[in-house]
Amino acid sequence: MPRATDQAALIGGFVCAEGSFTVVRSTTKSSFTFAVALGATDTEACEWLAAFFGCGTIHTYPRRQAHYDDEVRFQVRRLADLVDRVAPFMDDHLPPSYKRDQYLAWRDDLLTYWAHGARRSRR
């Protein structure tokens, strides 16, 4: 198996375990996010994801409780990156799972928003 395929399979499984797909709706617009949040000791994993996808941002947050680790979060919120990079990757590499079911519902909302709402407001 080629190295790129190994890496894609690893990322697909990693996202299945640690990823999230969220949408926040308001009366005027929606906001979509793909994210992976980890303990700050795993910052390199978020940097790896950012390099792999070639988009997104990395944020760090202080621990919420004394016995927690600080948090690092890789996220993609730019609609064009979600539509052109994240969704095609997940279509091909996110394994069958409950997370994939969540993703498919999120993707349907994202693509509908992109086709009917986001493009008009961006012109």
PDB file of N, CA and C in Angstrom:
ATOM      1  N   MET A   1       0.849  -1.178   0.000  1.00  0.00           N
ATOM      2  CA  MET A   1       0.000   0.000   0.000  1.00  0.00           C
ATOM      3  C   MET A   1       0.893   1.240   0.000  1.00  0.00           C
ATOM      4  N   PRO A   2       0.633   2.226  -0.856  1.00  0.00           N
ATOM      5  CA  PRO A   2       1.457   3.437  -0.881  1.00  0.00           C
ATOM      6  C   PRO A   2       1.365   4.216   0.423  1.00  0.00           C
ATOM      7  N   ARG A   3       2.418   4.934   0.730  1.00  0.00           N
ATOM      8  CA  ARG A   3       2.491   5.697   1.974  1.00  0.00           C
ATOM      9  C   ARG A   3       1.325   6.675   2.121  1.00  0.00           C
ATOM     10  N   ALA A   4       0.952   7.380   1.051  1.00  0.00           N
ATOM     11  CA  ALA A   4      -0.156   8.340   1.128  1.00  0.00           C
ATOM     12  C   ALA A   4      -1.452   7.641   1.517  1.00  0.00           C
ATOM     13  N   THR A   5      -1.663   6.430   1.014  1.00  0.00           N
ATOM     14  CA  THR A   5      -2.869   5.679   1.362  1.00  0.00           C
ATOM     15  C   THR A   5      -2.842   5.278   2.838  1.00  0.00           C
ATOM     16  N   ASP A   6      -1.676   4.885   3.328  1.00  0.00           N
ATOM     17  CA  ASP A   6      -1.538   4.563   4.750  1.00  0.00           C
ATOM     18  C   ASP A   6      -1.887   5.773   5.609  1.00  0.00           C
ATOM     19  N   GLN A   7      -1.351   6.922   5.224  1.00  0.00           N
ATOM     20  CA  GLN A   7      -1.595   8.140   5.983  1.00  0.00           C
ATOM     21  C   GLN A   7      -3.081   8.514   5.946  1.00  0.00           C
ATOM     22  N   ALA A   8      -3.718   8.408   4.801  1.00  0.00           N
ATOM     23  CA  ALA A   8      -5.142   8.732   4.684  1.00  0.00           C
ATOM     24  C   ALA A   8      -5.983   7.795   5.547  1.00  0.00           C
ATOM     25  N   ALA A   9      -5.652   6.513   5.547  1.00  0.00           N
ATOM     26  CA  ALA A   9      -6.398   5.552   6.370  1.00  0.00           C
ATOM     27  C   ALA A   9      -6.212   5.858   7.857  1.00  0.00           C
ATOM     28  N   LEU A  10      -4.998   6.207   8.244  1.00  0.00           N
ATOM     29  CA  LEU A  10      -4.730   6.558   9.636  1.00  0.00           C
ATOM     30  C   LEU A  10      -5.531   7.789  10.046  1.00  0.00           C
ATOM     31  N   ILE A  11      -5.538   8.808   9.198  1.00  0.00           N
ATOM     32  CA  ILE A  11      -6.286  10.031   9.512  1.00  0.00           C
ATOM     33  C   ILE A  11      -7.782   9.733   9.571  1.00  0.00           C
ATOM     34  N   GLY A  12      -8.283   8.921   8.645  1.00  0.00           N
ATOM     35  CA  GLY A  12      -9.705   8.562   8.687  1.00  0.00           C
ATOM     36  C   GLY A  12     -10.089   7.897   9.998  1.00  0.00           C
ATOM     37  N   GLY A  13      -9.281   6.966  10.457  1.00  0.00           N
ATOM     38  CA  GLY A  13      -9.549   6.309  11.734  1.00  0.00           C
ATOM     39  C   GLY A  13      -9.402   7.245  12.916  1.00  0.00           C
ATOM     40  N   PHE A  14      -8.411   8.117  12.847  1.00  0.00           N
ATOM     41  CA  PHE A  14      -8.178   9.091  13.916  1.00  0.00           C
ATOM     42  C   PHE A  14      -9.362  10.038  14.047  1.00  0.00           C
ATOM     43  N   VAL A  15      -9.862  10.523  12.905  1.00  0.00           N
ATOM     44  CA  VAL A  15     -11.027  11.411  12.910  1.00  0.00           C
ATOM     45  C   VAL A  15     -12.250  10.668  13.434  1.00  0.00           C
ATOM     46  N   CYS A  16     -12.366   9.399  13.084  1.00  0.00           N
ATOM     47  CA  CYS A  16     -13.489   8.590  13.565  1.00  0.00           C
ATOM     48  C   CYS A  16     -13.513   8.575  15.100  1.00  0.00           C
ATOM     49  N   ALA A  17     -12.337   8.532  15.709  1.00  0.00           N
ATOM     50  CA  ALA A  17     -12.249   8.473  17.169  1.00  0.00           C
ATOM     51  C   ALA A  17     -12.295   9.851  17.831  1.00  0.00           C
ATOM     52  N   GLU A  18     -11.646  10.837  17.230  1.00  0.00           N
ATOM     53  CA  GLU A  18     -11.434  12.113  17.913  1.00  0.00           C
ATOM     54  C   GLU A  18     -12.063  13.331  17.233  1.00  0.00           C
ATOM     55  N   GLY A  19     -12.618  13.171  16.045  1.00  0.00           N
ATOM     56  CA  GLY A  19     -13.124  14.308  15.291  1.00  0.00           C
ATOM     57  C   GLY A  19     -14.537  14.705  15.651  1.00  0.00           C
ATOM     58  N   SER A  20     -14.912  15.907  15.237  1.00  0.00           N
ATOM     59  CA  SER A  20     -16.291  16.371  15.396  1.00  0.00           C
ATOM     60  C   SER A  20     -16.686  17.192  14.180  1.00  0.00           C
ATOM     61  N   PHE A  21     -17.961  17.123  13.866  1.00  0.00           N
ATOM     62  CA  PHE A  21     -18.552  17.870  12.757  1.00  0.00           C
ATOM     63  C   PHE A  21     -19.738  18.623  13.343  1.00  0.00           C
ATOM     64  N   THR A  22     -19.647  19.946  13.389  1.00  0.00           N
ATOM     65  CA  THR A  22     -20.706  20.720  14.023  1.00  0.00           C
ATOM     66  C   THR A  22     -21.232  21.804  13.093  1.00  0.00           C
ATOM     67  N   VAL A  23     -22.471  22.164  13.341  1.00  0.00           N
ATOM     68  CA  VAL A  23     -23.097  23.279  12.629  1.00  0.00           C
ATOM     69  C   VAL A  23     -23.858  24.111  13.656  1.00  0.00           C
ATOM     70  N   VAL A  24     -23.713  25.424  13.534  1.00  0.00           N
ATOM     71  CA  VAL A  24     -24.447  26.362  14.378  1.00  0.00           C
ATOM     72  C   VAL A  24     -25.297  27.194  13.442  1.00  0.00           C
ATOM     73  N   ARG A  25     -26.593  27.183  13.675  1.00  0.00           N
ATOM     74  CA  ARG A  25     -27.524  27.903  12.808  1.00  0.00           C
ATOM     75  C   ARG A  25     -28.046  29.155  13.501  1.00  0.00           C
ATOM     76  N   SER A  26     -28.209  30.190  12.719  1.00  0.00           N
ATOM     77  CA  SER A  26     -28.899  31.384  13.198  1.00  0.00           C
ATOM     78  C   SER A  26     -29.933  31.749  12.148  1.00  0.00           C
ATOM     79  N   THR A  27     -30.663  32.799  12.393  1.00  0.00           N
ATOM     80  CA  THR A  27     -31.697  33.183  11.433  1.00  0.00           C
ATOM     81  C   THR A  27     -31.103  33.741  10.148  1.00  0.00           C
ATOM     82  N   THR A  28     -29.856  34.217  10.194  1.00  0.00           N
ATOM     83  CA  THR A  28     -29.255  34.827   9.011  1.00  0.00           C
ATOM     84  C   THR A  28     -28.205  33.972   8.320  1.00  0.00           C
ATOM     85  N   LYS A  29     -27.517  33.102   9.055  1.00  0.00           N
ATOM     86  CA  LYS A  29     -26.495  32.265   8.432  1.00  0.00           C
ATOM     87  C   LYS A  29     -26.174  31.069   9.304  1.00  0.00           C
ATOM     88  N   SER A  30     -25.388  30.158   8.763  1.00  0.00           N
ATOM     89  CA  SER A  30     -24.938  28.985   9.491  1.00  0.00           C
ATOM     90  C   SER A  30     -23.420  28.965   9.511  1.00  0.00           C
ATOM     91  N   SER A  31     -22.876  28.299  10.521  1.00  0.00           N
ATOM     92  CA  SER A  31     -21.433  28.157  10.665  1.00  0.00           C
ATOM     93  C   SER A  31     -21.113  26.670  10.802  1.00  0.00           C
ATOM     94  N   PHE A  32     -20.224  26.171   9.959  1.00  0.00           N
ATOM     95  CA  PHE A  32     -19.855  24.759   9.945  1.00  0.00           C
ATOM     96  C   PHE A  32     -18.412  24.612  10.403  1.00  0.00           C
ATOM     97  N   THR A  33     -18.144  23.553  11.177  1.00  0.00           N
ATOM     98  CA  THR A  33     -16.795  23.314  11.680  1.00  0.00           C
ATOM     99  C   THR A  33     -16.483  21.825  11.657  1.00  0.00           C
ATOM    100  N   PHE A  34     -15.288  21.508  11.169  1.00  0.00           N
ATOM    101  CA  PHE A  34     -14.683  20.196  11.368  1.00  0.00           C
ATOM    102  C   PHE A  34     -13.545  20.418  12.344  1.00  0.00           C
ATOM    103  N   ALA A  35     -13.465  19.624  13.413  1.00  0.00           N
ATOM    104  CA  ALA A  35     -12.438  19.841  14.423  1.00  0.00           C
ATOM    105  C   ALA A  35     -11.953  18.532  15.024  1.00  0.00           C
ATOM    106  N   VAL A  36     -10.734  18.587  15.516  1.00  0.00           N
ATOM    107  CA  VAL A  36     -10.154  17.524  16.335  1.00  0.00           C
ATOM    108  C   VAL A  36      -9.559  18.213  17.551  1.00  0.00           C
ATOM    109  N   ALA A  37     -10.035  17.859  18.733  1.00  0.00           N
ATOM    110  CA  ALA A  37      -9.552  18.450  19.979  1.00  0.00           C
ATOM    111  C   ALA A  37      -8.835  17.367  20.789  1.00  0.00           C
ATOM    112  N   LEU A  38      -7.639  17.717  21.269  1.00  0.00           N
ATOM    113  CA  LEU A  38      -6.797  16.771  21.995  1.00  0.00           C
ATOM    114  C   LEU A  38      -6.158  17.458  23.193  1.00  0.00           C
ATOM    115  N   GLY A  39      -5.549  16.669  24.051  1.00  0.00           N
ATOM    116  CA  GLY A  39      -4.727  17.236  25.102  1.00  0.00           C
ATOM    117  C   GLY A  39      -3.540  17.941  24.475  1.00  0.00           C
ATOM    118  N   ALA A  40      -3.086  19.009  25.103  1.00  0.00           N
ATOM    119  CA  ALA A  40      -2.006  19.822  24.531  1.00  0.00           C
ATOM    120  C   ALA A  40      -0.719  19.031  24.338  1.00  0.00           C
ATOM    121  N   THR A  41      -0.566  17.927  25.040  1.00  0.00           N
ATOM    122  CA  THR A  41       0.625  17.102  24.835  1.00  0.00           C
ATOM    123  C   THR A  41       0.644  16.495  23.432  1.00  0.00           C
ATOM    124  N   ASP A  42      -0.493  16.505  22.747  1.00  0.00           N
ATOM    125  CA  ASP A  42      -0.601  15.963  21.392  1.00  0.00           C
ATOM    126  C   ASP A  42      -0.672  17.060  20.331  1.00  0.00           C
ATOM    127  N   THR A  43      -0.053  18.189  20.589  1.00  0.00           N
ATOM    128  CA  THR A  43      -0.059  19.309  19.643  1.00  0.00           C
ATOM    129  C   THR A  43       0.470  18.886  18.275  1.00  0.00           C
ATOM    130  N   GLU A  44       1.482  18.022  18.251  1.00  0.00           N
ATOM    131  CA  GLU A  44       2.048  17.588  16.964  1.00  0.00           C
ATOM    132  C   GLU A  44       1.007  16.910  16.086  1.00  0.00           C
ATOM    133  N   ALA A  45       0.063  16.194  16.679  1.00  0.00           N
ATOM    134  CA  ALA A  45      -0.991  15.538  15.893  1.00  0.00           C
ATOM    135  C   ALA A  45      -1.861  16.587  15.194  1.00  0.00           C
ATOM    136  N   CYS A  46      -2.172  17.673  15.883  1.00  0.00           N
ATOM    137  CA  CYS A  46      -2.956  18.745  15.253  1.00  0.00           C
ATOM    138  C   CYS A  46      -2.152  19.442  14.165  1.00  0.00           C
ATOM    139  N   GLU A  47      -0.866  19.617  14.383  1.00  0.00           N
ATOM    140  CA  GLU A  47      -0.010  20.215  13.357  1.00  0.00           C
ATOM    141  C   GLU A  47       0.060  19.308  12.129  1.00  0.00           C
ATOM    142  N   TRP A  48       0.122  18.018  12.350  1.00  0.00           N
ATOM    143  CA  TRP A  48       0.128  17.027  11.264  1.00  0.00           C
ATOM    144  C   TRP A  48      -1.160  17.131  10.451  1.00  0.00           C
ATOM    145  N   LEU A  49      -2.302  17.231  11.129  1.00  0.00           N
ATOM    146  CA  LEU A  49      -3.582  17.356  10.428  1.00  0.00           C
ATOM    147  C   LEU A  49      -3.628  18.643   9.596  1.00  0.00           C
ATOM    148  N   ALA A  50      -3.165  19.740  10.175  1.00  0.00           N
ATOM    149  CA  ALA A  50      -3.165  21.010   9.450  1.00  0.00           C
ATOM    150  C   ALA A  50      -2.285  20.918   8.204  1.00  0.00           C
ATOM    151  N   ALA A  51      -1.142  20.283   8.338  1.00  0.00           N
ATOM    152  CA  ALA A  51      -0.249  20.126   7.187  1.00  0.00           C
ATOM    153  C   ALA A  51      -0.867  19.200   6.141  1.00  0.00           C
ATOM    154  N   PHE A  52      -1.496  18.136   6.589  1.00  0.00           N
ATOM    155  CA  PHE A  52      -2.104  17.181   5.661  1.00  0.00           C
ATOM    156  C   PHE A  52      -3.223  17.830   4.856  1.00  0.00           C
ATOM    157  N   PHE A  53      -4.136  18.527   5.539  1.00  0.00           N
ATOM    158  CA  PHE A  53      -5.266  19.150   4.850  1.00  0.00           C
ATOM    159  C   PHE A  53      -4.872  20.446   4.145  1.00  0.00           C
ATOM    160  N   GLY A  54      -3.794  21.064   4.571  1.00  0.00           N
ATOM    161  CA  GLY A  54      -3.360  22.310   3.944  1.00  0.00           C
ATOM    162  C   GLY A  54      -4.288  23.472   4.219  1.00  0.00           C
ATOM    163  N   CYS A  55      -4.991  23.416   5.333  1.00  0.00           N
ATOM    164  CA  CYS A  55      -5.920  24.476   5.700  1.00  0.00           C
ATOM    165  C   CYS A  55      -6.226  24.349   7.186  1.00  0.00           C
ATOM    166  N   GLY A  56      -7.039  25.242   7.676  1.00  0.00           N
ATOM    167  CA  GLY A  56      -7.458  25.177   9.064  1.00  0.00           C
ATOM    168  C   GLY A  56      -6.560  25.972   9.986  1.00  0.00           C
ATOM    169  N   THR A  57      -6.927  25.979  11.253  1.00  0.00           N
ATOM    170  CA  THR A  57      -6.184  26.706  12.271  1.00  0.00           C
ATOM    171  C   THR A  57      -6.006  25.811  13.494  1.00  0.00           C
ATOM    172  N   ILE A  58      -5.030  26.163  14.304  1.00  0.00           N
ATOM    173  CA  ILE A  58      -4.767  25.447  15.552  1.00  0.00           C
ATOM    174  C   ILE A  58      -4.910  26.446  16.691  1.00  0.00           C
ATOM    175  N   HIS A  59      -5.656  26.051  17.704  1.00  0.00           N
ATOM    176  CA  HIS A  59      -5.885  26.907  18.866  1.00  0.00           C
ATOM    177  C   HIS A  59      -5.548  26.126  20.126  1.00  0.00           C
ATOM    178  N   THR A  60      -5.051  26.818  21.121  1.00  0.00           N
ATOM    179  CA  THR A  60      -4.799  26.189  22.423  1.00  0.00           C
ATOM    180  C   THR A  60      -5.677  26.858  23.466  1.00  0.00           C
ATOM    181  N   TYR A  61      -6.093  26.053  24.432  1.00  0.00           N
ATOM    182  CA  TYR A  61      -6.975  26.525  25.498  1.00  0.00           C
ATOM    183  C   TYR A  61      -6.455  26.002  26.830  1.00  0.00           C
ATOM    184  N   PRO A  62      -6.613  26.799  27.877  1.00  0.00           N
ATOM    185  CA  PRO A  62      -6.183  26.320  29.197  1.00  0.00           C
ATOM    186  C   PRO A  62      -7.107  25.211  29.703  1.00  0.00           C
ATOM    187  N   ARG A  63      -6.574  24.419  30.585  1.00  0.00           N
ATOM    188  CA  ARG A  63      -7.360  23.313  31.171  1.00  0.00           C
ATOM    189  C   ARG A  63      -8.622  23.842  31.838  1.00  0.00           C
ATOM    190  N   ARG A  64      -9.688  23.061  31.721  1.00  0.00           N
ATOM    191  CA  ARG A  64     -10.968  23.460  32.310  1.00  0.00           C
ATOM    192  C   ARG A  64     -11.059  23.094  33.782  1.00  0.00           C
ATOM    193  N   GLN A  65     -10.304  22.087  34.190  1.00  0.00           N
ATOM    194  CA  GLN A  65     -10.243  21.696  35.591  1.00  0.00           C
ATOM    195  C   GLN A  65      -8.798  21.344  35.916  1.00  0.00           C
ATOM    196  N   ALA A  66      -8.437  21.412  37.172  1.00  0.00           N
ATOM    197  CA  ALA A  66      -7.041  21.234  37.574  1.00  0.00           C
ATOM    198  C   ALA A  66      -6.464  19.896  37.123  1.00  0.00           C
ATOM    199  N   HIS A  67      -7.256  18.843  37.111  1.00  0.00           N
ATOM    200  CA  HIS A  67      -6.731  17.523  36.754  1.00  0.00           C
ATOM    201  C   HIS A  67      -6.800  17.228  35.245  1.00  0.00           C
ATOM    202  N   TYR A  68      -7.252  18.194  34.448  1.00  0.00           N
ATOM    203  CA  TYR A  68      -7.270  18.045  32.989  1.00  0.00           C
ATOM    204  C   TYR A  68      -5.958  18.561  32.408  1.00  0.00           C
ATOM    205  N   ASP A  69      -5.689  18.175  31.168  1.00  0.00           N
ATOM    206  CA  ASP A  69      -4.577  18.737  30.408  1.00  0.00           C
ATOM    207  C   ASP A  69      -5.074  20.003  29.715  1.00  0.00           C
ATOM    208  N   ASP A  70      -4.155  20.889  29.349  1.00  0.00           N
ATOM    209  CA  ASP A  70      -4.533  21.974  28.458  1.00  0.00           C
ATOM    210  C   ASP A  70      -5.015  21.332  27.158  1.00  0.00           C
ATOM    211  N   GLU A  71      -5.733  22.093  26.330  1.00  0.00           N
ATOM    212  CA  GLU A  71      -6.312  21.528  25.111  1.00  0.00           C
ATOM    213  C   GLU A  71      -5.738  22.196  23.875  1.00  0.00           C
ATOM    214  N   VAL A  72      -5.565  21.405  22.833  1.00  0.00           N
ATOM    215  CA  VAL A  72      -5.196  21.919  21.524  1.00  0.00           C
ATOM    216  C   VAL A  72      -6.279  21.471  20.553  1.00  0.00           C
ATOM    217  N   ARG A  73      -6.610  22.347  19.618  1.00  0.00           N
ATOM    218  CA  ARG A  73      -7.718  22.054  18.702  1.00  0.00           C
ATOM    219  C   ARG A  73      -7.340  22.468  17.285  1.00  0.00           C
ATOM    220  N   PHE A  74      -7.421  21.501  16.379  1.00  0.00           N
ATOM    221  CA  PHE A  74      -7.306  21.780  14.954  1.00  0.00           C
ATOM    222  C   PHE A  74      -8.722  21.935  14.436  1.00  0.00           C
ATOM    223  N   GLN A  75      -8.976  23.011  13.676  1.00  0.00           N
ATOM    224  CA  GLN A  75     -10.319  23.197  13.137  1.00  0.00           C
ATOM    225  C   GLN A  75     -10.281  23.817  11.753  1.00  0.00           C
ATOM    226  N   VAL A  76     -11.285  23.453  10.973  1.00  0.00           N
ATOM    227  CA  VAL A  76     -11.494  24.042   9.658  1.00  0.00           C
ATOM    228  C   VAL A  76     -12.891  24.634   9.668  1.00  0.00           C
ATOM    229  N   ARG A  77     -12.985  25.932   9.375  1.00  0.00           N
ATOM    230  CA  ARG A  77     -14.277  26.608   9.360  1.00  0.00           C
ATOM    231  C   ARG A  77     -14.553  27.294   8.031  1.00  0.00           C
ATOM    232  N   ARG A  78     -13.542  27.521   7.234  1.00  0.00           N
ATOM    233  CA  ARG A  78     -13.725  28.197   5.944  1.00  0.00           C
ATOM    234  C   ARG A  78     -14.547  27.285   5.037  1.00  0.00           C
ATOM    235  N   LEU A  79     -15.682  27.776   4.576  1.00  0.00           N
ATOM    236  CA  LEU A  79     -16.612  26.955   3.795  1.00  0.00           C
ATOM    237  C   LEU A  79     -15.964  26.324   2.573  1.00  0.00           C
ATOM    238  N   ALA A  80     -15.186  27.086   1.836  1.00  0.00           N
ATOM    239  CA  ALA A  80     -14.549  26.533   0.633  1.00  0.00           C
ATOM    240  C   ALA A  80     -13.616  25.375   0.987  1.00  0.00           C
ATOM    241  N   ASP A  81     -12.893  25.477   2.091  1.00  0.00           N
ATOM    242  CA  ASP A  81     -12.010  24.382   2.515  1.00  0.00           C
ATOM    243  C   ASP A  81     -12.815  23.165   2.957  1.00  0.00           C
ATOM    244  N   LEU A  82     -13.922  23.394   3.634  1.00  0.00           N
ATOM    245  CA  LEU A  82     -14.775  22.276   4.049  1.00  0.00           C
ATOM    246  C   LEU A  82     -15.341  21.548   2.835  1.00  0.00           C
ATOM    247  N   VAL A  83     -15.789  22.320   1.845  1.00  0.00           N
ATOM    248  CA  VAL A  83     -16.401  21.743   0.648  1.00  0.00           C
ATOM    249  C   VAL A  83     -15.356  21.096  -0.263  1.00  0.00           C
ATOM    250  N   ASP A  84     -14.226  21.759  -0.453  1.00  0.00           N
ATOM    251  CA  ASP A  84     -13.233  21.302  -1.434  1.00  0.00           C
ATOM    252  C   ASP A  84     -12.184  20.349  -0.890  1.00  0.00           C
ATOM    253  N   ARG A  85     -11.918  20.377   0.411  1.00  0.00           N
ATOM    254  CA  ARG A  85     -10.854  19.547   0.984  1.00  0.00           C
ATOM    255  C   ARG A  85     -11.365  18.516   1.980  1.00  0.00           C
ATOM    256  N   VAL A  86     -12.094  18.984   2.986  1.00  0.00           N
ATOM    257  CA  VAL A  86     -12.506  18.085   4.067  1.00  0.00           C
ATOM    258  C   VAL A  86     -13.542  17.073   3.588  1.00  0.00           C
ATOM    259  N   ALA A  87     -14.617  17.548   2.971  1.00  0.00           N
ATOM    260  CA  ALA A  87     -15.690  16.634   2.561  1.00  0.00           C
ATOM    261  C   ALA A  87     -15.209  15.554   1.590  1.00  0.00           C
ATOM    262  N   PRO A  88     -14.464  15.888   0.539  1.00  0.00           N
ATOM    263  CA  PRO A  88     -14.001  14.816  -0.353  1.00  0.00           C
ATOM    264  C   PRO A  88     -13.113  13.791   0.360  1.00  0.00           C
ATOM    265  N   PHE A  89     -12.267  14.270   1.277  1.00  0.00           N
ATOM    266  CA  PHE A  89     -11.428  13.332   2.026  1.00  0.00           C
ATOM    267  C   PHE A  89     -12.278  12.399   2.879  1.00  0.00           C
ATOM    268  N   MET A  90     -13.223  12.971   3.619  1.00  0.00           N
ATOM    269  CA  MET A  90     -14.067  12.148   4.495  1.00  0.00           C
ATOM    270  C   MET A  90     -14.921  11.174   3.686  1.00  0.00           C
ATOM    271  N   ASP A  91     -15.406  11.614   2.529  1.00  0.00           N
ATOM    272  CA  ASP A  91     -16.177  10.707   1.674  1.00  0.00           C
ATOM    273  C   ASP A  91     -15.373   9.451   1.353  1.00  0.00           C
ATOM    274  N   ASP A  92     -14.096   9.629   1.094  1.00  0.00           N
ATOM    275  CA  ASP A  92     -13.246   8.515   0.677  1.00  0.00           C
ATOM    276  C   ASP A  92     -12.624   7.730   1.828  1.00  0.00           C
ATOM    277  N   HIS A  93     -12.396   8.368   2.989  1.00  0.00           N
ATOM    278  CA  HIS A  93     -11.543   7.736   4.000  1.00  0.00           C
ATOM    279  C   HIS A  93     -12.140   7.583   5.390  1.00  0.00           C
ATOM    280  N   LEU A  94     -13.298   8.162   5.670  1.00  0.00           N
ATOM    281  CA  LEU A  94     -13.890   7.983   6.999  1.00  0.00           C
ATOM    282  C   LEU A  94     -14.563   6.616   7.033  1.00  0.00           C
ATOM    283  N   PRO A  95     -14.127   5.722   7.932  1.00  0.00           N
ATOM    284  CA  PRO A  95     -14.646   4.357   7.910  1.00  0.00           C
ATOM    285  C   PRO A  95     -16.113   4.280   8.347  1.00  0.00           C
ATOM    286  N   PRO A  96     -16.789   3.203   7.956  1.00  0.00           N
ATOM    287  CA  PRO A  96     -18.174   3.011   8.405  1.00  0.00           C
ATOM    288  C   PRO A  96     -18.237   3.040   9.937  1.00  0.00           C
ATOM    289  N   SER A  97     -19.093   3.896  10.472  1.00  0.00           N
ATOM    290  CA  SER A  97     -19.162   4.087  11.916  1.00  0.00           C
ATOM    291  C   SER A  97     -20.287   5.071  12.222  1.00  0.00           C
ATOM    292  N   TYR A  98     -20.552   5.222  13.509  1.00  0.00           N
ATOM    293  CA  TYR A  98     -21.505   6.245  13.931  1.00  0.00           C
ATOM    294  C   TYR A  98     -20.986   7.632  13.550  1.00  0.00           C
ATOM    295  N   LYS A  99     -19.654   7.849  13.656  1.00  0.00           N
ATOM    296  CA  LYS A  99     -19.074   9.141  13.284  1.00  0.00           C
ATOM    297  C   LYS A  99     -19.318   9.425  11.803  1.00  0.00           C
ATOM    298  N   ARG A 100     -19.252   8.391  10.959  1.00  0.00           N
ATOM    299  CA  ARG A 100     -19.524   8.587   9.528  1.00  0.00           C
ATOM    300  C   ARG A 100     -20.982   8.996   9.328  1.00  0.00           C
ATOM    301  N   ASP A 101     -21.899   8.378  10.068  1.00  0.00           N
ATOM    302  CA  ASP A 101     -23.308   8.770   9.980  1.00  0.00           C
ATOM    303  C   ASP A 101     -23.488  10.241  10.362  1.00  0.00           C
ATOM    304  N   GLN A 102     -22.808  10.671  11.429  1.00  0.00           N
ATOM    305  CA  GLN A 102     -22.857  12.080  11.828  1.00  0.00           C
ATOM    306  C   GLN A 102     -22.297  12.962  10.717  1.00  0.00           C
ATOM    307  N   TYR A 103     -21.176  12.549  10.159  1.00  0.00           N
ATOM    308  CA  TYR A 103     -20.541  13.309   9.086  1.00  0.00           C
ATOM    309  C   TYR A 103     -21.476  13.446   7.886  1.00  0.00           C
ATOM    310  N   LEU A 104     -22.121  12.361   7.475  1.00  0.00           N
ATOM    311  CA  LEU A 104     -22.976  12.401   6.286  1.00  0.00           C
ATOM    312  C   LEU A 104     -24.125  13.390   6.455  1.00  0.00           C
ATOM    313  N   ALA A 105     -24.725  13.439   7.646  1.00  0.00           N
ATOM    314  CA  ALA A 105     -25.786  14.416   7.908  1.00  0.00           C
ATOM    315  C   ALA A 105     -25.223  15.837   7.866  1.00  0.00           C
ATOM    316  N   TRP A 106     -24.051  16.028   8.478  1.00  0.00           N
ATOM    317  CA  TRP A 106     -23.376  17.333   8.474  1.00  0.00           C
ATOM    318  C   TRP A 106     -23.030  17.751   7.048  1.00  0.00           C
ATOM    319  N   ARG A 107     -22.489  16.823   6.261  1.00  0.00           N
ATOM    320  CA  ARG A 107     -22.114  17.113   4.873  1.00  0.00           C
ATOM    321  C   ARG A 107     -23.328  17.522   4.051  1.00  0.00           C
ATOM    322  N   ASP A 108     -24.446  16.828   4.231  1.00  0.00           N
ATOM    323  CA  ASP A 108     -25.657  17.196   3.496  1.00  0.00           C
ATOM    324  C   ASP A 108     -26.068  18.637   3.811  1.00  0.00           C
ATOM    325  N   ASP A 109     -26.026  19.004   5.095  1.00  0.00           N
ATOM    326  CA  ASP A 109     -26.348  20.384   5.487  1.00  0.00           C
ATOM    327  C   ASP A 109     -25.347  21.370   4.888  1.00  0.00           C
ATOM    328  N   LEU A 110     -24.064  21.026   4.952  1.00  0.00           N
ATOM    329  CA  LEU A 110     -23.011  21.881   4.415  1.00  0.00           C
ATOM    330  C   LEU A 110     -23.193  22.122   2.924  1.00  0.00           C
ATOM    331  N   LEU A 111     -23.390  21.067   2.175  1.00  0.00           N
ATOM    332  CA  LEU A 111     -23.500  21.210   0.717  1.00  0.00           C
ATOM    333  C   LEU A 111     -24.778  21.937   0.310  1.00  0.00           C
ATOM    334  N   THR A 112     -25.851  21.732   1.047  1.00  0.00           N
ATOM    335  CA  THR A 112     -27.085  22.474   0.781  1.00  0.00           C
ATOM    336  C   THR A 112     -26.872  23.957   1.059  1.00  0.00           C
ATOM    337  N   TYR A 113     -26.239  24.259   2.179  1.00  0.00           N
ATOM    338  CA  TYR A 113     -25.947  25.650   2.520  1.00  0.00           C
ATOM    339  C   TYR A 113     -25.033  26.278   1.475  1.00  0.00           C
ATOM    340  N   TRP A 114     -24.024  25.560   1.068  1.00  0.00           N
ATOM    341  CA  TRP A 114     -23.069  26.048   0.060  1.00  0.00           C
ATOM    342  C   TRP A 114     -23.782  26.347  -1.257  1.00  0.00           C
ATOM    343  N   ALA A 115     -24.667  25.450  -1.663  1.00  0.00           N
ATOM    344  CA  ALA A 115     -25.359  25.602  -2.945  1.00  0.00           C
ATOM    345  C   ALA A 115     -26.422  26.701  -2.914  1.00  0.00           C
ATOM    346  N   HIS A 116     -27.102  26.859  -1.782  1.00  0.00           N
ATOM    347  CA  HIS A 116     -28.247  27.764  -1.748  1.00  0.00           C
ATOM    348  C   HIS A 116     -28.043  29.048  -0.966  1.00  0.00           C
ATOM    349  N   GLY A 117     -27.165  29.039  -0.018  1.00  0.00           N
ATOM    350  CA  GLY A 117     -27.023  30.230   0.813  1.00  0.00           C
ATOM    351  C   GLY A 117     -25.689  30.893   0.738  1.00  0.00           C
ATOM    352  N   ALA A 118     -24.650  30.140   0.933  1.00  0.00           N
ATOM    353  CA  ALA A 118     -23.317  30.723   1.084  1.00  0.00           C
ATOM    354  C   ALA A 118     -22.841  31.401  -0.183  1.00  0.00           C
ATOM    355  N   ARG A 119     -23.061  30.829  -1.316  1.00  0.00           N
ATOM    356  CA  ARG A 119     -22.557  31.419  -2.552  1.00  0.00           C
ATOM    357  C   ARG A 119     -23.211  32.765  -2.844  1.00  0.00           C
ATOM    358  N   ARG A 120     -24.512  32.870  -2.607  1.00  0.00           N
ATOM    359  CA  ARG A 120     -25.188  34.136  -2.858  1.00  0.00           C
ATOM    360  C   ARG A 120     -24.651  35.227  -1.946  1.00  0.00           C
ATOM    361  N   SER A 121     -24.416  34.890  -0.687  1.00  0.00           N
ATOM    362  CA  SER A 121     -23.959  35.909   0.252  1.00  0.00           C
ATOM    363  C   SER A 121     -22.490  36.266   0.035  1.00  0.00           C
ATOM    364  N   ARG A 122     -21.740  35.434  -0.694  1.00  0.00           N
ATOM    365  CA  ARG A 122     -20.309  35.710  -0.914  1.00  0.00           C
ATOM    366  C   ARG A 122     -20.085  36.541  -2.166  1.00  0.00           C
ATOM    367  N   ARG A 123     -21.067  36.694  -3.028  1.00  0.00           N
ATOM    368  CA  ARG A 123     -20.886  37.441  -4.282  1.00  0.00           C
ATOM    369  C   ARG A 123     -20.942  38.913  -4.099  1.00  0.00           C
TER     370      ARG A 123
END
